[in-house]
Amino acid sequence: MRVLVVGAGGAIGSQLVPQLAEQGHQVTGTSRSADRAGYLRSLGAEPAVLDVLDAGAVRAAVAAARPDAIIYQATALTGISFSRNMDRAFAPTNRLRTEGTDNLLAAAREAGVTRFIAQSFAPFRYAHTGGPVKDENDPLFDPPPSARQMVGAMAYNDEAVTAAGGIALRYGGFYGDEHNAMIEAVRKRQFPMIGNGGGVMSFIHVHDAAAATVLALDADGPAIYNVTDDEPAPVRDWLPVLAAALGAKRPYRVPAWVAGLLMGKLLPMMTEARGASNAKAKKELGWTLRYPSWREGFPAAYAR
């Protein structure tokens, strides 16, 4: 296929473009800066400069690429600083997940492109009820006021893409990429164990995330898939393993009430979070993982 990858130089895009090229797809990869052209070409893409918030530029880029499929991977998370006001921290990415999604879907309709795949997110989103692991049909949680726009933008992206017949991939927490705020926080001992560390997290190595995305090109929408590894796990299990792989000191342990003073109503996102099941993606996409668990993935990605 001719595939347009929007956000081709990011954590997933930089893994995705080479895998698409290896499968014989012709890839056009976009970035917001012409300075990235050489890098995108080295990955195997024909580079293009695009601001996805510019509707006219998006229409022109889609018309020029003449794609059979569009894969939307653009975020603005590099260098993000987490705080108790997640809406403020995620504001640029929220726009990409709402306005950017609308612009791309409109351009796709105009150009007759029916295959559309978009990056979504699984961790922290499922309702804090019932068992520790959720599938794509389970209800989502009601976010606190300071994260309402962030979570709403994710939901908007899922709904807009699937309403257009596309596929939303709810990736787990990325690791294996170069610029990762959570990894840096653990390395600097700035990611503590809160309370009993019972909140559940689902991870995915960026290589495996890209592999699932390539397979999704041959799937029919509308659909939502959790793209996560086989072992959702509580913080108390995975955080010490990650710290050890990074060569960092063992994480601090902070009582929940102390963390609550700093995090406010965001605290349950860390202490009560549910994991995400990948059973649907493995069954319907025929997906196998290089790193089925963070237990082998963290050392492979970070051990020195």
C-alpha atoms as a PDB file:
ATOM      1  CA  MET A   1       0.000   0.000   0.000  1.00  0.00           C
ATOM      2  CA  ARG A   2       0.871   3.676  -0.156  1.00  0.00           C
ATOM      3  CA  VAL A   3       0.840   4.667   3.507  1.00  0.00           C
ATOM      4  CA  LEU A   4       0.903   8.179   4.944  1.00  0.00           C
ATOM      5  CA  VAL A   5       2.344   8.170   8.479  1.00  0.00           C
ATOM      6  CA  VAL A   6       1.622  11.446  10.267  1.00  0.00           C
ATOM      7  CA  GLY A   7       4.099  11.871  13.094  1.00  0.00           C
ATOM      8  CA  ALA A   8       6.629   9.516  11.526  1.00  0.00           C
ATOM      9  CA  GLY A   9       9.581  10.582  13.676  1.00  0.00           C
ATOM     10  CA  GLY A  10       8.021   9.899  17.074  1.00  0.00           C
ATOM     11  CA  ALA A  11       8.325   6.971  19.458  1.00  0.00           C
ATOM     12  CA  ILE A  12       6.107   4.681  17.381  1.00  0.00           C
ATOM     13  CA  GLY A  13       6.671   6.299  13.996  1.00  0.00           C
ATOM     14  CA  SER A  14      10.421   5.731  14.079  1.00  0.00           C
ATOM     15  CA  GLN A  15       9.777   2.013  14.645  1.00  0.00           C
ATOM     16  CA  LEU A  16       6.774   1.846  12.331  1.00  0.00           C
ATOM     17  CA  VAL A  17       8.265   3.315   9.151  1.00  0.00           C
ATOM     18  CA  PRO A  18      11.061   0.712   8.821  1.00  0.00           C
ATOM     19  CA  GLN A  19       8.631  -2.134   9.479  1.00  0.00           C
ATOM     20  CA  LEU A  20       6.229  -0.819   6.846  1.00  0.00           C
ATOM     21  CA  ALA A  21       9.078  -0.471   4.350  1.00  0.00           C
ATOM     22  CA  GLU A  22      10.242  -4.025   5.080  1.00  0.00           C
ATOM     23  CA  GLN A  23       6.759  -5.257   4.187  1.00  0.00           C
ATOM     24  CA  GLY A  24       6.951  -3.510   0.814  1.00  0.00           C
ATOM     25  CA  HIS A  25       4.695  -0.543   1.605  1.00  0.00           C
ATOM     26  CA  GLN A  26       5.515   2.861   0.088  1.00  0.00           C
ATOM     27  CA  VAL A  27       5.671   5.279   2.990  1.00  0.00           C
ATOM     28  CA  THR A  28       5.328   9.046   3.161  1.00  0.00           C
ATOM     29  CA  GLY A  29       6.282  10.249   6.621  1.00  0.00           C
ATOM     30  CA  THR A  30       5.495  13.677   8.014  1.00  0.00           C
ATOM     31  CA  SER A  31       7.106  15.824  10.677  1.00  0.00           C
ATOM     32  CA  ARG A  32       6.554  19.410  11.750  1.00  0.00           C
ATOM     33  CA  SER A  33      10.077  20.451  10.752  1.00  0.00           C
ATOM     34  CA  ALA A  34      12.042  20.211   7.513  1.00  0.00           C
ATOM     35  CA  ASP A  35      15.093  19.464   9.674  1.00  0.00           C
ATOM     36  CA  ARG A  36      13.747  15.931  10.139  1.00  0.00           C
ATOM     37  CA  ALA A  37      13.710  15.123   6.429  1.00  0.00           C
ATOM     38  CA  GLY A  38      17.048  13.328   6.428  1.00  0.00           C
ATOM     39  CA  TYR A  39      16.105  11.243   9.431  1.00  0.00           C
ATOM     40  CA  LEU A  40      12.752  10.223   7.941  1.00  0.00           C
ATOM     41  CA  ARG A  41      14.445   9.295   4.670  1.00  0.00           C
ATOM     42  CA  SER A  42      16.922   7.113   6.587  1.00  0.00           C
ATOM     43  CA  LEU A  43      13.975   5.245   8.142  1.00  0.00           C
ATOM     44  CA  GLY A  44      12.558   4.465   4.708  1.00  0.00           C
ATOM     45  CA  ALA A  45       9.980   7.213   4.195  1.00  0.00           C
ATOM     46  CA  GLU A  46       9.561   9.965   1.669  1.00  0.00           C
ATOM     47  CA  PRO A  47       9.593  13.000   3.976  1.00  0.00           C
ATOM     48  CA  ALA A  48       6.974  15.738   4.081  1.00  0.00           C
ATOM     49  CA  VAL A  49       6.516  18.733   6.375  1.00  0.00           C
ATOM     50  CA  LEU A  50       3.071  19.021   7.930  1.00  0.00           C
ATOM     51  CA  ASP A  51       1.325  20.914  10.690  1.00  0.00           C
ATOM     52  CA  VAL A  52      -1.693  18.694  11.257  1.00  0.00           C
ATOM     53  CA  LEU A  53      -3.572  21.610  12.866  1.00  0.00           C
ATOM     54  CA  ASP A  54      -3.543  23.414   9.507  1.00  0.00           C
ATOM     55  CA  ALA A  55      -6.565  21.969   7.703  1.00  0.00           C
ATOM     56  CA  GLY A  56      -5.523  23.280   4.289  1.00  0.00           C
ATOM     57  CA  ALA A  57      -2.024  21.862   4.630  1.00  0.00           C
ATOM     58  CA  VAL A  58      -3.474  18.508   5.664  1.00  0.00           C
ATOM     59  CA  ARG A  59      -5.695  18.357   2.575  1.00  0.00           C
ATOM     60  CA  ALA A  60      -2.716  19.209   0.372  1.00  0.00           C
ATOM     61  CA  ALA A  61      -0.474  16.613   2.027  1.00  0.00           C
ATOM     62  CA  VAL A  62      -3.046  13.844   1.651  1.00  0.00           C
ATOM     63  CA  ALA A  63      -3.693  14.775  -1.974  1.00  0.00           C
ATOM     64  CA  ALA A  64       0.046  14.765  -2.730  1.00  0.00           C
ATOM     65  CA  ALA A  65       0.721  11.430  -1.009  1.00  0.00           C
ATOM     66  CA  ARG A  66      -2.289   9.678  -2.605  1.00  0.00           C
ATOM     67  CA  PRO A  67      -2.337   7.136   0.228  1.00  0.00           C
ATOM     68  CA  ASP A  68      -4.276   3.907   0.465  1.00  0.00           C
ATOM     69  CA  ALA A  69      -4.062   4.244   4.241  1.00  0.00           C
ATOM     70  CA  ILE A  70      -3.329   6.937   6.828  1.00  0.00           C
ATOM     71  CA  ILE A  71      -1.696   6.182  10.177  1.00  0.00           C
ATOM     72  CA  TYR A  72      -1.924   9.007  12.701  1.00  0.00           C
ATOM     73  CA  GLN A  73       0.825   8.972  15.346  1.00  0.00           C
ATOM     74  CA  ALA A  74       1.394  12.661  16.139  1.00  0.00           C
ATOM     75  CA  THR A  75       1.668  13.759  19.780  1.00  0.00           C
ATOM     76  CA  ALA A  76       3.448  16.570  21.618  1.00  0.00           C
ATOM     77  CA  LEU A  77       4.730  14.611  24.613  1.00  0.00           C
ATOM     78  CA  THR A  78       8.504  15.048  24.279  1.00  0.00           C
ATOM     79  CA  GLY A  79       9.822  16.881  27.326  1.00  0.00           C
ATOM     80  CA  ILE A  80       6.425  16.931  29.004  1.00  0.00           C
ATOM     81  CA  SER A  81       6.418  17.805  32.691  1.00  0.00           C
ATOM     82  CA  PHE A  82       3.807  15.949  34.711  1.00  0.00           C
ATOM     83  CA  SER A  83       1.875  17.869  37.327  1.00  0.00           C
ATOM     84  CA  ARG A  84      -1.421  17.710  39.199  1.00  0.00           C
ATOM     85  CA  ASN A  85      -2.990  19.645  36.302  1.00  0.00           C
ATOM     86  CA  MET A  86      -2.805  17.115  33.492  1.00  0.00           C
ATOM     87  CA  ASP A  87      -5.003  19.202  31.225  1.00  0.00           C
ATOM     88  CA  ARG A  88      -2.398  21.954  31.177  1.00  0.00           C
ATOM     89  CA  ALA A  89       0.488  19.538  30.597  1.00  0.00           C
ATOM     90  CA  PHE A  90      -1.323  17.706  27.781  1.00  0.00           C
ATOM     91  CA  ALA A  91      -2.926  20.741  26.124  1.00  0.00           C
ATOM     92  CA  PRO A  92      -0.899  20.554  22.851  1.00  0.00           C
ATOM     93  CA  THR A  93      -1.519  16.808  22.533  1.00  0.00           C
ATOM     94  CA  ASN A  94      -5.216  17.308  23.323  1.00  0.00           C
ATOM     95  CA  ARG A  95      -5.463  19.571  20.279  1.00  0.00           C
ATOM     96  CA  LEU A  96      -3.722  16.984  18.120  1.00  0.00           C
ATOM     97  CA  ARG A  97      -6.190  14.331  19.299  1.00  0.00           C
ATOM     98  CA  THR A  98      -9.211  16.506  18.545  1.00  0.00           C
ATOM     99  CA  GLU A  99      -8.537  19.166  15.889  1.00  0.00           C
ATOM    100  CA  GLY A 100      -5.772  17.141  14.261  1.00  0.00           C
ATOM    101  CA  THR A 101      -7.944  14.051  14.078  1.00  0.00           C
ATOM    102  CA  ASP A 102     -10.795  16.055  12.529  1.00  0.00           C
ATOM    103  CA  ASN A 103      -8.495  17.582   9.920  1.00  0.00           C
ATOM    104  CA  LEU A 104      -7.058  14.235   8.889  1.00  0.00           C
ATOM    105  CA  LEU A 105     -10.420  12.478   8.770  1.00  0.00           C
ATOM    106  CA  ALA A 106     -11.879  15.283   6.630  1.00  0.00           C
ATOM    107  CA  ALA A 107      -8.928  15.092   4.235  1.00  0.00           C
ATOM    108  CA  ALA A 108      -9.234  11.304   4.097  1.00  0.00           C
ATOM    109  CA  ARG A 109     -12.936  11.540   3.188  1.00  0.00           C
ATOM    110  CA  GLU A 110     -12.184  14.098   0.506  1.00  0.00           C
ATOM    111  CA  ALA A 111      -9.463  11.890  -0.986  1.00  0.00           C
ATOM    112  CA  GLY A 112     -11.473   8.660  -0.701  1.00  0.00           C
ATOM    113  CA  VAL A 113      -9.091   7.070   1.816  1.00  0.00           C
ATOM    114  CA  THR A 114     -10.992   4.472   3.816  1.00  0.00           C
ATOM    115  CA  ARG A 115      -8.191   2.904   5.876  1.00  0.00           C
ATOM    116  CA  PHE A 116      -7.401   5.069   8.890  1.00  0.00           C
ATOM    117  CA  ILE A 117      -5.471   4.011  12.001  1.00  0.00           C
ATOM    118  CA  ALA A 118      -4.862   6.300  14.964  1.00  0.00           C
ATOM    119  CA  GLN A 119      -2.808   6.209  18.133  1.00  0.00           C
ATOM    120  CA  SER A 120      -4.832   5.962  21.319  1.00  0.00           C
ATOM    121  CA  PHE A 121      -3.988   5.061  24.919  1.00  0.00           C
ATOM    122  CA  ALA A 122      -5.011   2.324  27.354  1.00  0.00           C
ATOM    123  CA  PRO A 123      -3.398   2.923  30.793  1.00  0.00           C
ATOM    124  CA  PHE A 124      -5.356   4.746  33.500  1.00  0.00           C
ATOM    125  CA  ARG A 125      -8.507   4.924  31.355  1.00  0.00           C
ATOM    126  CA  TYR A 126     -10.640   1.993  32.474  1.00  0.00           C
ATOM    127  CA  ALA A 127     -13.134   2.305  35.322  1.00  0.00           C
ATOM    128  CA  HIS A 128     -11.830   1.521  38.802  1.00  0.00           C
ATOM    129  CA  THR A 129     -14.337  -1.253  39.434  1.00  0.00           C
ATOM    130  CA  GLY A 130     -14.299  -5.018  39.151  1.00  0.00           C
ATOM    131  CA  GLY A 131     -11.241  -7.040  38.229  1.00  0.00           C
ATOM    132  CA  PRO A 132      -7.704  -5.749  37.589  1.00  0.00           C
ATOM    133  CA  VAL A 133      -7.661  -6.255  33.790  1.00  0.00           C
ATOM    134  CA  LYS A 134     -10.140  -4.795  31.295  1.00  0.00           C
ATOM    135  CA  ASP A 135     -10.987  -5.370  27.646  1.00  0.00           C
ATOM    136  CA  GLU A 136     -12.105  -2.905  24.991  1.00  0.00           C
ATOM    137  CA  ASN A 137     -15.802  -3.264  25.892  1.00  0.00           C
ATOM    138  CA  ASP A 138     -15.358  -2.329  29.546  1.00  0.00           C
ATOM    139  CA  PRO A 139     -16.444   1.130  30.712  1.00  0.00           C
ATOM    140  CA  LEU A 140     -13.963   3.977  31.053  1.00  0.00           C
ATOM    141  CA  PHE A 141     -13.458   5.922  34.258  1.00  0.00           C
ATOM    142  CA  ASP A 142     -14.767   9.380  35.081  1.00  0.00           C
ATOM    143  CA  PRO A 143     -11.663  11.591  35.356  1.00  0.00           C
ATOM    144  CA  PRO A 144     -11.066  14.301  37.963  1.00  0.00           C
ATOM    145  CA  PRO A 145     -11.513  17.921  36.808  1.00  0.00           C
ATOM    146  CA  SER A 146      -7.789  18.503  36.224  1.00  0.00           C
ATOM    147  CA  ALA A 147      -7.599  15.585  33.755  1.00  0.00           C
ATOM    148  CA  ARG A 148     -11.007  15.927  32.112  1.00  0.00           C
ATOM    149  CA  GLN A 149      -9.758  17.537  28.897  1.00  0.00           C
ATOM    150  CA  MET A 150      -6.904  15.052  28.558  1.00  0.00           C
ATOM    151  CA  VAL A 151      -9.151  12.015  28.972  1.00  0.00           C
ATOM    152  CA  GLY A 152     -11.880  13.642  26.896  1.00  0.00           C
ATOM    153  CA  ALA A 153      -9.464  14.163  24.008  1.00  0.00           C
ATOM    154  CA  MET A 154      -8.565  10.467  24.072  1.00  0.00           C
ATOM    155  CA  ALA A 155     -12.236   9.523  24.033  1.00  0.00           C
ATOM    156  CA  TYR A 156     -12.936  11.979  21.228  1.00  0.00           C
ATOM    157  CA  ASN A 157     -10.152  10.473  19.158  1.00  0.00           C
ATOM    158  CA  ASP A 158     -11.468   6.922  19.691  1.00  0.00           C
ATOM    159  CA  GLU A 159     -15.026   7.904  18.814  1.00  0.00           C
ATOM    160  CA  ALA A 160     -14.224  10.053  15.773  1.00  0.00           C
ATOM    161  CA  VAL A 161     -11.923   7.449  14.248  1.00  0.00           C
ATOM    162  CA  THR A 162     -14.275   4.519  14.740  1.00  0.00           C
ATOM    163  CA  ALA A 163     -17.288   6.569  13.569  1.00  0.00           C
ATOM    164  CA  ALA A 164     -15.391   7.053  10.306  1.00  0.00           C
ATOM    165  CA  GLY A 165     -14.799   3.299  10.016  1.00  0.00           C
ATOM    166  CA  GLY A 166     -11.204   3.461  11.253  1.00  0.00           C
ATOM    167  CA  ILE A 167      -9.170   1.677  13.900  1.00  0.00           C
ATOM    168  CA  ALA A 168      -8.038   3.139  17.231  1.00  0.00           C
ATOM    169  CA  LEU A 169      -5.067   1.419  18.831  1.00  0.00           C
ATOM    170  CA  ARG A 170      -5.003   1.858  22.593  1.00  0.00           C
ATOM    171  CA  TYR A 171      -1.301   1.408  23.217  1.00  0.00           C
ATOM    172  CA  GLY A 172       0.113   0.543  26.606  1.00  0.00           C
ATOM    173  CA  GLY A 173       2.734   2.657  28.308  1.00  0.00           C
ATOM    174  CA  PHE A 174       5.638   2.908  25.873  1.00  0.00           C
ATOM    175  CA  TYR A 175       9.168   1.842  26.679  1.00  0.00           C
ATOM    176  CA  GLY A 176      12.201   1.206  24.521  1.00  0.00           C
ATOM    177  CA  ASP A 177      12.154   4.697  22.985  1.00  0.00           C
ATOM    178  CA  GLU A 178      14.832   7.340  23.462  1.00  0.00           C
ATOM    179  CA  HIS A 179      12.809  10.163  25.012  1.00  0.00           C
ATOM    180  CA  ASN A 180      10.480   8.911  27.711  1.00  0.00           C
ATOM    181  CA  ALA A 181       9.434  11.078  30.643  1.00  0.00           C
ATOM    182  CA  MET A 182       8.485   8.178  32.895  1.00  0.00           C
ATOM    183  CA  ILE A 183      11.763   6.346  32.293  1.00  0.00           C
ATOM    184  CA  GLU A 184      13.731   9.479  33.116  1.00  0.00           C
ATOM    185  CA  ALA A 185      11.699   9.987  36.300  1.00  0.00           C
ATOM    186  CA  VAL A 186      12.468   6.429  37.453  1.00  0.00           C
ATOM    187  CA  ARG A 187      16.126   6.856  36.557  1.00  0.00           C
ATOM    188  CA  LYS A 188      16.289  10.025  38.685  1.00  0.00           C
ATOM    189  CA  ARG A 189      14.342   8.411  41.538  1.00  0.00           C
ATOM    190  CA  GLN A 190      11.444  10.796  41.002  1.00  0.00           C
ATOM    191  CA  PHE A 191       8.791   8.083  40.504  1.00  0.00           C
ATOM    192  CA  PRO A 192       7.838   6.770  43.966  1.00  0.00           C
ATOM    193  CA  MET A 193       5.917   3.723  45.075  1.00  0.00           C
ATOM    194  CA  ILE A 194       2.635   5.099  46.420  1.00  0.00           C
ATOM    195  CA  GLY A 195       0.978   3.239  49.264  1.00  0.00           C
ATOM    196  CA  ASN A 196       0.976  -0.496  48.576  1.00  0.00           C
ATOM    197  CA  GLY A 197       1.672   0.042  44.870  1.00  0.00           C
ATOM    198  CA  GLY A 198      -1.571  -1.618  43.875  1.00  0.00           C
ATOM    199  CA  GLY A 199      -2.422   0.398  40.758  1.00  0.00           C
ATOM    200  CA  VAL A 200      -2.149  -1.776  37.627  1.00  0.00           C
ATOM    201  CA  MET A 201      -0.214  -0.704  34.524  1.00  0.00           C
ATOM    202  CA  SER A 202      -0.050  -2.165  31.022  1.00  0.00           C
ATOM    203  CA  PHE A 203       3.137  -1.668  29.013  1.00  0.00           C
ATOM    204  CA  ILE A 204       4.242  -2.189  25.420  1.00  0.00           C
ATOM    205  CA  HIS A 205       7.676  -2.087  23.825  1.00  0.00           C
ATOM    206  CA  VAL A 206       7.678   0.351  20.919  1.00  0.00           C
ATOM    207  CA  HIS A 207       8.789  -2.387  18.496  1.00  0.00           C
ATOM    208  CA  ASP A 208       5.789  -4.538  19.398  1.00  0.00           C
ATOM    209  CA  ALA A 209       3.461  -1.535  19.190  1.00  0.00           C
ATOM    210  CA  ALA A 210       4.688  -0.835  15.661  1.00  0.00           C
ATOM    211  CA  ALA A 211       4.285  -4.489  14.674  1.00  0.00           C
ATOM    212  CA  ALA A 212       0.632  -4.461  15.753  1.00  0.00           C
ATOM    213  CA  THR A 213       0.098  -1.257  13.781  1.00  0.00           C
ATOM    214  CA  VAL A 214       1.457  -2.827  10.586  1.00  0.00           C
ATOM    215  CA  LEU A 215      -0.926  -5.755  11.035  1.00  0.00           C
ATOM    216  CA  ALA A 216      -3.854  -3.381  11.586  1.00  0.00           C
ATOM    217  CA  LEU A 217      -3.495  -2.214   7.971  1.00  0.00           C
ATOM    218  CA  ASP A 218      -5.083  -5.503   6.914  1.00  0.00           C
ATOM    219  CA  ALA A 219      -7.886  -5.358   9.487  1.00  0.00           C
ATOM    220  CA  ASP A 220     -11.362  -4.037   8.874  1.00  0.00           C
ATOM    221  CA  GLY A 221     -12.766  -1.203  10.935  1.00  0.00           C
ATOM    222  CA  PRO A 222     -14.395   0.163  12.855  1.00  0.00           C
ATOM    223  CA  ALA A 223     -12.468  -1.342  15.731  1.00  0.00           C
ATOM    224  CA  ILE A 224     -10.622  -0.555  18.955  1.00  0.00           C
ATOM    225  CA  TYR A 225      -7.708  -2.695  20.108  1.00  0.00           C
ATOM    226  CA  ASN A 226      -5.704  -2.689  23.318  1.00  0.00           C
ATOM    227  CA  VAL A 227      -2.085  -2.972  22.160  1.00  0.00           C
ATOM    228  CA  THR A 228      -0.404  -4.036  25.378  1.00  0.00           C
ATOM    229  CA  ASP A 229       1.839  -6.840  26.566  1.00  0.00           C
ATOM    230  CA  ASP A 230       0.703 -10.070  28.199  1.00  0.00           C
ATOM    231  CA  GLU A 231       1.266  -9.062  31.816  1.00  0.00           C
ATOM    232  CA  PRO A 232      -0.607  -6.087  33.260  1.00  0.00           C
ATOM    233  CA  ALA A 233       0.913  -5.656  36.700  1.00  0.00           C
ATOM    234  CA  PRO A 234       0.708  -3.557  39.863  1.00  0.00           C
ATOM    235  CA  VAL A 235       3.299  -0.855  40.421  1.00  0.00           C
ATOM    236  CA  ARG A 236       4.871  -2.811  43.283  1.00  0.00           C
ATOM    237  CA  ASP A 237       5.851  -5.556  40.800  1.00  0.00           C
ATOM    238  CA  TRP A 238       7.125  -3.651  37.784  1.00  0.00           C
ATOM    239  CA  LEU A 239       8.646  -0.488  39.274  1.00  0.00           C
ATOM    240  CA  PRO A 240      11.543  -2.205  41.107  1.00  0.00           C
ATOM    241  CA  VAL A 241      12.317  -4.259  37.983  1.00  0.00           C
ATOM    242  CA  LEU A 242      12.436  -1.132  35.831  1.00  0.00           C
ATOM    243  CA  ALA A 243      14.638   0.687  38.330  1.00  0.00           C
ATOM    244  CA  ALA A 244      17.042  -2.263  38.428  1.00  0.00           C
ATOM    245  CA  ALA A 245      17.202  -2.431  34.619  1.00  0.00           C
ATOM    246  CA  LEU A 246      18.041   1.284  34.541  1.00  0.00           C
ATOM    247  CA  GLY A 247      20.714   0.906  37.198  1.00  0.00           C
ATOM    248  CA  ALA A 248      18.744   3.295  39.401  1.00  0.00           C
ATOM    249  CA  LYS A 249      18.322   3.174  43.152  1.00  0.00           C
ATOM    250  CA  ARG A 250      15.274   1.434  44.539  1.00  0.00           C
ATOM    251  CA  PRO A 251      12.235   3.750  44.322  1.00  0.00           C
ATOM    252  CA  TYR A 252      11.083   5.668  47.373  1.00  0.00           C
ATOM    253  CA  ARG A 253       7.906   4.507  49.072  1.00  0.00           C
ATOM    254  CA  VAL A 254       5.426   7.300  49.865  1.00  0.00           C
ATOM    255  CA  PRO A 255       2.282   6.877  51.996  1.00  0.00           C
ATOM    256  CA  ALA A 256      -0.886   7.384  49.985  1.00  0.00           C
ATOM    257  CA  TRP A 257      -2.026  10.269  52.171  1.00  0.00           C
ATOM    258  CA  VAL A 258       1.224  12.138  51.523  1.00  0.00           C
ATOM    259  CA  ALA A 259       0.967  11.548  47.782  1.00  0.00           C
ATOM    260  CA  GLY A 260      -2.622  12.751  47.944  1.00  0.00           C
ATOM    261  CA  LEU A 261      -1.460  16.124  49.248  1.00  0.00           C
ATOM    262  CA  LEU A 262       0.633  16.531  46.092  1.00  0.00           C
ATOM    263  CA  MET A 263      -1.584  14.841  43.513  1.00  0.00           C
ATOM    264  CA  GLY A 264      -5.041  15.735  44.791  1.00  0.00           C
ATOM    265  CA  LYS A 265      -7.855  13.976  42.940  1.00  0.00           C
ATOM    266  CA  LEU A 266      -5.374  12.486  40.458  1.00  0.00           C
ATOM    267  CA  LEU A 267      -4.207  10.003  43.093  1.00  0.00           C
ATOM    268  CA  PRO A 268      -6.680   7.196  42.172  1.00  0.00           C
ATOM    269  CA  MET A 269      -5.267   7.167  38.637  1.00  0.00           C
ATOM    270  CA  MET A 270      -2.068   5.785  40.174  1.00  0.00           C
ATOM    271  CA  THR A 271      -3.418   3.716  43.071  1.00  0.00           C
ATOM    272  CA  GLU A 272      -6.599   2.222  41.574  1.00  0.00           C
ATOM    273  CA  ALA A 273      -5.762   1.959  37.863  1.00  0.00           C
ATOM    274  CA  ARG A 274      -6.757  -1.163  35.910  1.00  0.00           C
ATOM    275  CA  GLY A 275      -4.748  -2.938  33.255  1.00  0.00           C
ATOM    276  CA  ALA A 276      -5.755  -3.727  29.669  1.00  0.00           C
ATOM    277  CA  SER A 277      -6.158  -7.134  28.018  1.00  0.00           C
ATOM    278  CA  ASN A 278      -4.487  -7.698  24.625  1.00  0.00           C
ATOM    279  CA  ALA A 279      -6.501 -10.846  23.809  1.00  0.00           C
ATOM    280  CA  LYS A 280      -8.546  -9.201  21.051  1.00  0.00           C
ATOM    281  CA  ALA A 281      -5.507  -7.788  19.227  1.00  0.00           C
ATOM    282  CA  LYS A 282      -3.647 -11.088  19.388  1.00  0.00           C
ATOM    283  CA  LYS A 283      -6.633 -13.057  18.118  1.00  0.00           C
ATOM    284  CA  GLU A 284      -7.944 -10.733  15.409  1.00  0.00           C
ATOM    285  CA  LEU A 285      -4.667  -9.253  14.138  1.00  0.00           C
ATOM    286  CA  GLY A 286      -2.579 -12.418  14.411  1.00  0.00           C
ATOM    287  CA  TRP A 287      -0.117 -10.437  16.507  1.00  0.00           C
ATOM    288  CA  THR A 288       2.799 -11.961  18.390  1.00  0.00           C
ATOM    289  CA  LEU A 289       5.097 -10.024  20.689  1.00  0.00           C
ATOM    290  CA  ARG A 290       8.864  -9.901  20.748  1.00  0.00           C
ATOM    291  CA  TYR A 291       8.588  -8.922  24.427  1.00  0.00           C
ATOM    292  CA  PRO A 292       5.492 -10.631  25.910  1.00  0.00           C
ATOM    293  CA  SER A 293       6.219  -9.096  29.302  1.00  0.00           C
ATOM    294  CA  TRP A 294       8.006  -6.115  30.753  1.00  0.00           C
ATOM    295  CA  ARG A 295       9.963  -8.674  32.795  1.00  0.00           C
ATOM    296  CA  GLU A 296      12.166  -9.448  29.793  1.00  0.00           C
ATOM    297  CA  GLY A 297      11.445  -6.211  27.937  1.00  0.00           C
ATOM    298  CA  PHE A 298      12.849  -3.775  30.523  1.00  0.00           C
ATOM    299  CA  PRO A 299      16.267  -5.467  30.771  1.00  0.00           C
ATOM    300  CA  ALA A 300      16.436  -5.885  26.986  1.00  0.00           C
ATOM    301  CA  ALA A 301      15.673  -2.202  26.459  1.00  0.00           C
ATOM    302  CA  TYR A 302      17.685  -0.598  29.242  1.00  0.00           C
ATOM    303  CA  ALA A 303      20.161  -2.937  30.958  1.00  0.00           C
ATOM    304  CA  ARG A 304      23.780  -1.853  30.581  1.00  0.00           C
END
